[in-house]
Amino acid sequence: MTKIDVLKTILVQQYKFAQFLQLDNMDLMRLKLTRRNALSVKNV
């Protein structure tokens, strides 16, 4: 793969991830809560 191909795939992945992150606020809050819970569990 050339550098351009690598850059293209990275851009596509970032775009897909951005689309995935465009959730409504309730999902966003739930995501934050679960992440916080996972972090607290990990610390213990």
PDB file of N, CA and C in Angstrom:
ATOM      1  N   MET A   1       0.838  -1.211   0.000  1.00  0.00           N
ATOM      2  CA  MET A   1       0.000   0.000   0.000  1.00  0.00           C
ATOM      3  C   MET A   1       0.872   1.260   0.000  1.00  0.00           C
ATOM      4  N   THR A   2       0.458   2.216  -0.786  1.00  0.00           N
ATOM      5  CA  THR A   2       1.192   3.476  -0.819  1.00  0.00           C
ATOM      6  C   THR A   2       0.761   4.370   0.330  1.00  0.00           C
ATOM      7  N   LYS A   3       1.486   5.455   0.537  1.00  0.00           N
ATOM      8  CA  LYS A   3       1.134   6.383   1.617  1.00  0.00           C
ATOM      9  C   LYS A   3      -0.258   6.956   1.403  1.00  0.00           C
ATOM     10  N   ILE A   4      -0.604   7.208   0.134  1.00  0.00           N
ATOM     11  CA  ILE A   4      -1.921   7.790  -0.168  1.00  0.00           C
ATOM     12  C   ILE A   4      -3.026   6.816   0.223  1.00  0.00           C
ATOM     13  N   ASP A   5      -2.822   5.532  -0.058  1.00  0.00           N
ATOM     14  CA  ASP A   5      -3.818   4.529   0.314  1.00  0.00           C
ATOM     15  C   ASP A   5      -4.008   4.489   1.823  1.00  0.00           C
ATOM     16  N   VAL A   6      -2.897   4.545   2.546  1.00  0.00           N
ATOM     17  CA  VAL A   6      -2.967   4.532   4.013  1.00  0.00           C
ATOM     18  C   VAL A   6      -3.742   5.739   4.513  1.00  0.00           C
ATOM     19  N   LEU A   7      -3.432   6.909   3.963  1.00  0.00           N
ATOM     20  CA  LEU A   7      -4.129   8.129   4.371  1.00  0.00           C
ATOM     21  C   LEU A   7      -5.618   8.028   4.084  1.00  0.00           C
ATOM     22  N   LYS A   8      -5.951   7.469   2.920  1.00  0.00           N
ATOM     23  CA  LYS A   8      -7.367   7.334   2.550  1.00  0.00           C
ATOM     24  C   LYS A   8      -8.101   6.451   3.547  1.00  0.00           C
ATOM     25  N   THR A   9      -7.510   5.310   3.883  1.00  0.00           N
ATOM     26  CA  THR A   9      -8.176   4.397   4.809  1.00  0.00           C
ATOM     27  C   THR A   9      -8.337   5.038   6.179  1.00  0.00           C
ATOM     28  N   ILE A  10      -7.317   5.781   6.616  1.00  0.00           N
ATOM     29  CA  ILE A  10      -7.405   6.464   7.911  1.00  0.00           C
ATOM     30  C   ILE A  10      -8.539   7.479   7.897  1.00  0.00           C
ATOM     31  N   LEU A  11      -8.643   8.237   6.805  1.00  0.00           N
ATOM     32  CA  LEU A  11      -9.702   9.240   6.693  1.00  0.00           C
ATOM     33  C   LEU A  11     -11.072   8.578   6.722  1.00  0.00           C
ATOM     34  N   VAL A  12     -11.210   7.471   6.005  1.00  0.00           N
ATOM     35  CA  VAL A  12     -12.496   6.767   5.965  1.00  0.00           C
ATOM     36  C   VAL A  12     -12.863   6.259   7.349  1.00  0.00           C
ATOM     37  N   GLN A  13     -11.880   5.688   8.051  1.00  0.00           N
ATOM     38  CA  GLN A  13     -12.142   5.171   9.394  1.00  0.00           C
ATOM     39  C   GLN A  13     -12.551   6.293  10.336  1.00  0.00           C
ATOM     40  N   GLN A  14     -11.867   7.437  10.245  1.00  0.00           N
ATOM     41  CA  GLN A  14     -12.211   8.575  11.097  1.00  0.00           C
ATOM     42  C   GLN A  14     -13.615   9.064  10.789  1.00  0.00           C
ATOM     43  N   TYR A  15     -13.976   9.085   9.493  1.00  0.00           N
ATOM     44  CA  TYR A  15     -15.307   9.536   9.095  1.00  0.00           C
ATOM     45  C   TYR A  15     -16.371   8.603   9.659  1.00  0.00           C
ATOM     46  N   LYS A  16     -16.135   7.300   9.530  1.00  0.00           N
ATOM     47  CA  LYS A  16     -17.094   6.323  10.051  1.00  0.00           C
ATOM     48  C   LYS A  16     -17.237   6.474  11.558  1.00  0.00           C
ATOM     49  N   PHE A  17     -16.112   6.693  12.246  1.00  0.00           N
ATOM     50  CA  PHE A  17     -16.142   6.846  13.696  1.00  0.00           C
ATOM     51  C   PHE A  17     -16.913   8.101  14.083  1.00  0.00           C
ATOM     52  N   ALA A  18     -16.731   9.184  13.304  1.00  0.00           N
ATOM     53  CA  ALA A  18     -17.455  10.425  13.566  1.00  0.00           C
ATOM     54  C   ALA A  18     -18.955  10.201  13.389  1.00  0.00           C
ATOM     55  N   GLN A  19     -19.329   9.457  12.348  1.00  0.00           N
ATOM     56  CA  GLN A  19     -20.735   9.137  12.127  1.00  0.00           C
ATOM     57  C   GLN A  19     -21.271   8.339  13.316  1.00  0.00           C
ATOM     58  N   PHE A  20     -20.467   7.384  13.783  1.00  0.00           N
ATOM     59  CA  PHE A  20     -20.863   6.535  14.897  1.00  0.00           C
ATOM     60  C   PHE A  20     -21.059   7.356  16.168  1.00  0.00           C
ATOM     61  N   LEU A  21     -20.240   8.411  16.332  1.00  0.00           N
ATOM     62  CA  LEU A  21     -20.315   9.219  17.544  1.00  0.00           C
ATOM     63  C   LEU A  21     -21.483  10.184  17.534  1.00  0.00           C
ATOM     64  N   GLN A  22     -22.128  10.350  16.369  1.00  0.00           N
ATOM     65  CA  GLN A  22     -23.246  11.278  16.300  1.00  0.00           C
ATOM     66  C   GLN A  22     -24.515  10.608  16.835  1.00  0.00           C
ATOM     67  N   LEU A  23     -24.500  10.340  18.121  1.00  0.00           N
ATOM     68  CA  LEU A  23     -25.654   9.754  18.786  1.00  0.00           C
ATOM     69  C   LEU A  23     -26.479  10.868  19.399  1.00  0.00           C
ATOM     70  N   ASP A  24     -27.682  10.535  19.818  1.00  0.00           N
ATOM     71  CA  ASP A  24     -28.450  11.562  20.516  1.00  0.00           C
ATOM     72  C   ASP A  24     -27.911  11.710  21.938  1.00  0.00           C
ATOM     73  N   ASN A  25     -28.347  12.746  22.621  1.00  0.00           N
ATOM     74  CA  ASN A  25     -27.762  13.103  23.914  1.00  0.00           C
ATOM     75  C   ASN A  25     -27.936  12.014  24.960  1.00  0.00           C
ATOM     76  N   MET A  26     -29.061  11.313  24.927  1.00  0.00           N
ATOM     77  CA  MET A  26     -29.283  10.251  25.907  1.00  0.00           C
ATOM     78  C   MET A  26     -28.217   9.162  25.757  1.00  0.00           C
ATOM     79  N   ASP A  27     -27.958   8.761  24.524  1.00  0.00           N
ATOM     80  CA  ASP A  27     -26.931   7.750  24.289  1.00  0.00           C
ATOM     81  C   ASP A  27     -25.572   8.269  24.730  1.00  0.00           C
ATOM     82  N   LEU A  28     -25.329   9.562  24.483  1.00  0.00           N
ATOM     83  CA  LEU A  28     -24.049  10.165  24.856  1.00  0.00           C
ATOM     84  C   LEU A  28     -23.868  10.123  26.373  1.00  0.00           C
ATOM     85  N   MET A  29     -24.925  10.486  27.103  1.00  0.00           N
ATOM     86  CA  MET A  29     -24.855  10.461  28.563  1.00  0.00           C
ATOM     87  C   MET A  29     -24.634   9.034  29.052  1.00  0.00           C
ATOM     88  N   ARG A  30     -25.336   8.098  28.444  1.00  0.00           N
ATOM     89  CA  ARG A  30     -25.190   6.700  28.843  1.00  0.00           C
ATOM     90  C   ARG A  30     -23.754   6.243  28.598  1.00  0.00           C
ATOM     91  N   LEU A  31     -23.195   6.673  27.460  1.00  0.00           N
ATOM     92  CA  LEU A  31     -21.826   6.312  27.117  1.00  0.00           C
ATOM     93  C   LEU A  31     -20.860   6.861  28.160  1.00  0.00           C
ATOM     94  N   LYS A  32     -21.060   8.126  28.561  1.00  0.00           N
ATOM     95  CA  LYS A  32     -20.192   8.740  29.565  1.00  0.00           C
ATOM     96  C   LYS A  32     -20.299   8.000  30.892  1.00  0.00           C
ATOM     97  N   LEU A  33     -21.524   7.656  31.271  1.00  0.00           N
ATOM     98  CA  LEU A  33     -21.721   6.966  32.541  1.00  0.00           C
ATOM     99  C   LEU A  33     -21.040   5.607  32.528  1.00  0.00           C
ATOM    100  N   THR A  34     -21.236   4.851  31.459  1.00  0.00           N
ATOM    101  CA  THR A  34     -20.631   3.523  31.406  1.00  0.00           C
ATOM    102  C   THR A  34     -19.119   3.629  31.379  1.00  0.00           C
ATOM    103  N   ARG A  35     -18.596   4.649  30.691  1.00  0.00           N
ATOM    104  CA  ARG A  35     -17.146   4.819  30.643  1.00  0.00           C
ATOM    105  C   ARG A  35     -16.615   5.143  32.031  1.00  0.00           C
ATOM    106  N   ARG A  36     -17.343   6.017  32.758  1.00  0.00           N
ATOM    107  CA  ARG A  36     -16.912   6.385  34.104  1.00  0.00           C
ATOM    108  C   ARG A  36     -16.949   5.156  35.011  1.00  0.00           C
ATOM    109  N   ASN A  37     -18.011   4.355  34.888  1.00  0.00           N
ATOM    110  CA  ASN A  37     -18.120   3.152  35.702  1.00  0.00           C
ATOM    111  C   ASN A  37     -16.987   2.181  35.389  1.00  0.00           C
ATOM    112  N   ALA A  38     -16.672   2.043  34.105  1.00  0.00           N
ATOM    113  CA  ALA A  38     -15.592   1.136  33.703  1.00  0.00           C
ATOM    114  C   ALA A  38     -14.264   1.614  34.277  1.00  0.00           C
ATOM    115  N   LEU A  39     -14.057   2.938  34.253  1.00  0.00           N
ATOM    116  CA  LEU A  39     -12.813   3.485  34.795  1.00  0.00           C
ATOM    117  C   LEU A  39     -12.720   3.233  36.292  1.00  0.00           C
ATOM    118  N   SER A  40     -13.819   3.460  37.023  1.00  0.00           N
ATOM    119  CA  SER A  40     -13.790   3.273  38.468  1.00  0.00           C
ATOM    120  C   SER A  40     -13.556   1.799  38.804  1.00  0.00           C
ATOM    121  N   VAL A  41     -14.166   0.914  38.027  1.00  0.00           N
ATOM    122  CA  VAL A  41     -13.953  -0.516  38.250  1.00  0.00           C
ATOM    123  C   VAL A  41     -12.499  -0.879  37.971  1.00  0.00           C
ATOM    124  N   LYS A  42     -11.949  -0.276  36.906  1.00  0.00           N
ATOM    125  CA  LYS A  42     -10.572  -0.582  36.535  1.00  0.00           C
ATOM    126  C   LYS A  42      -9.602  -0.117  37.619  1.00  0.00           C
ATOM    127  N   ASN A  43      -9.906   1.024  38.251  1.00  0.00           N
ATOM    128  CA  ASN A  43      -9.021   1.559  39.284  1.00  0.00           C
ATOM    129  C   ASN A  43      -8.993   0.660  40.513  1.00  0.00           C
ATOM    130  N   VAL A  44     -10.107  -0.003  40.800  1.00  0.00           N
ATOM    131  CA  VAL A  44     -10.163  -0.911  41.948  1.00  0.00           C
ATOM    132  C   VAL A  44      -9.509  -2.233  41.572  1.00  0.00           C
TER     133      VAL A  44
END
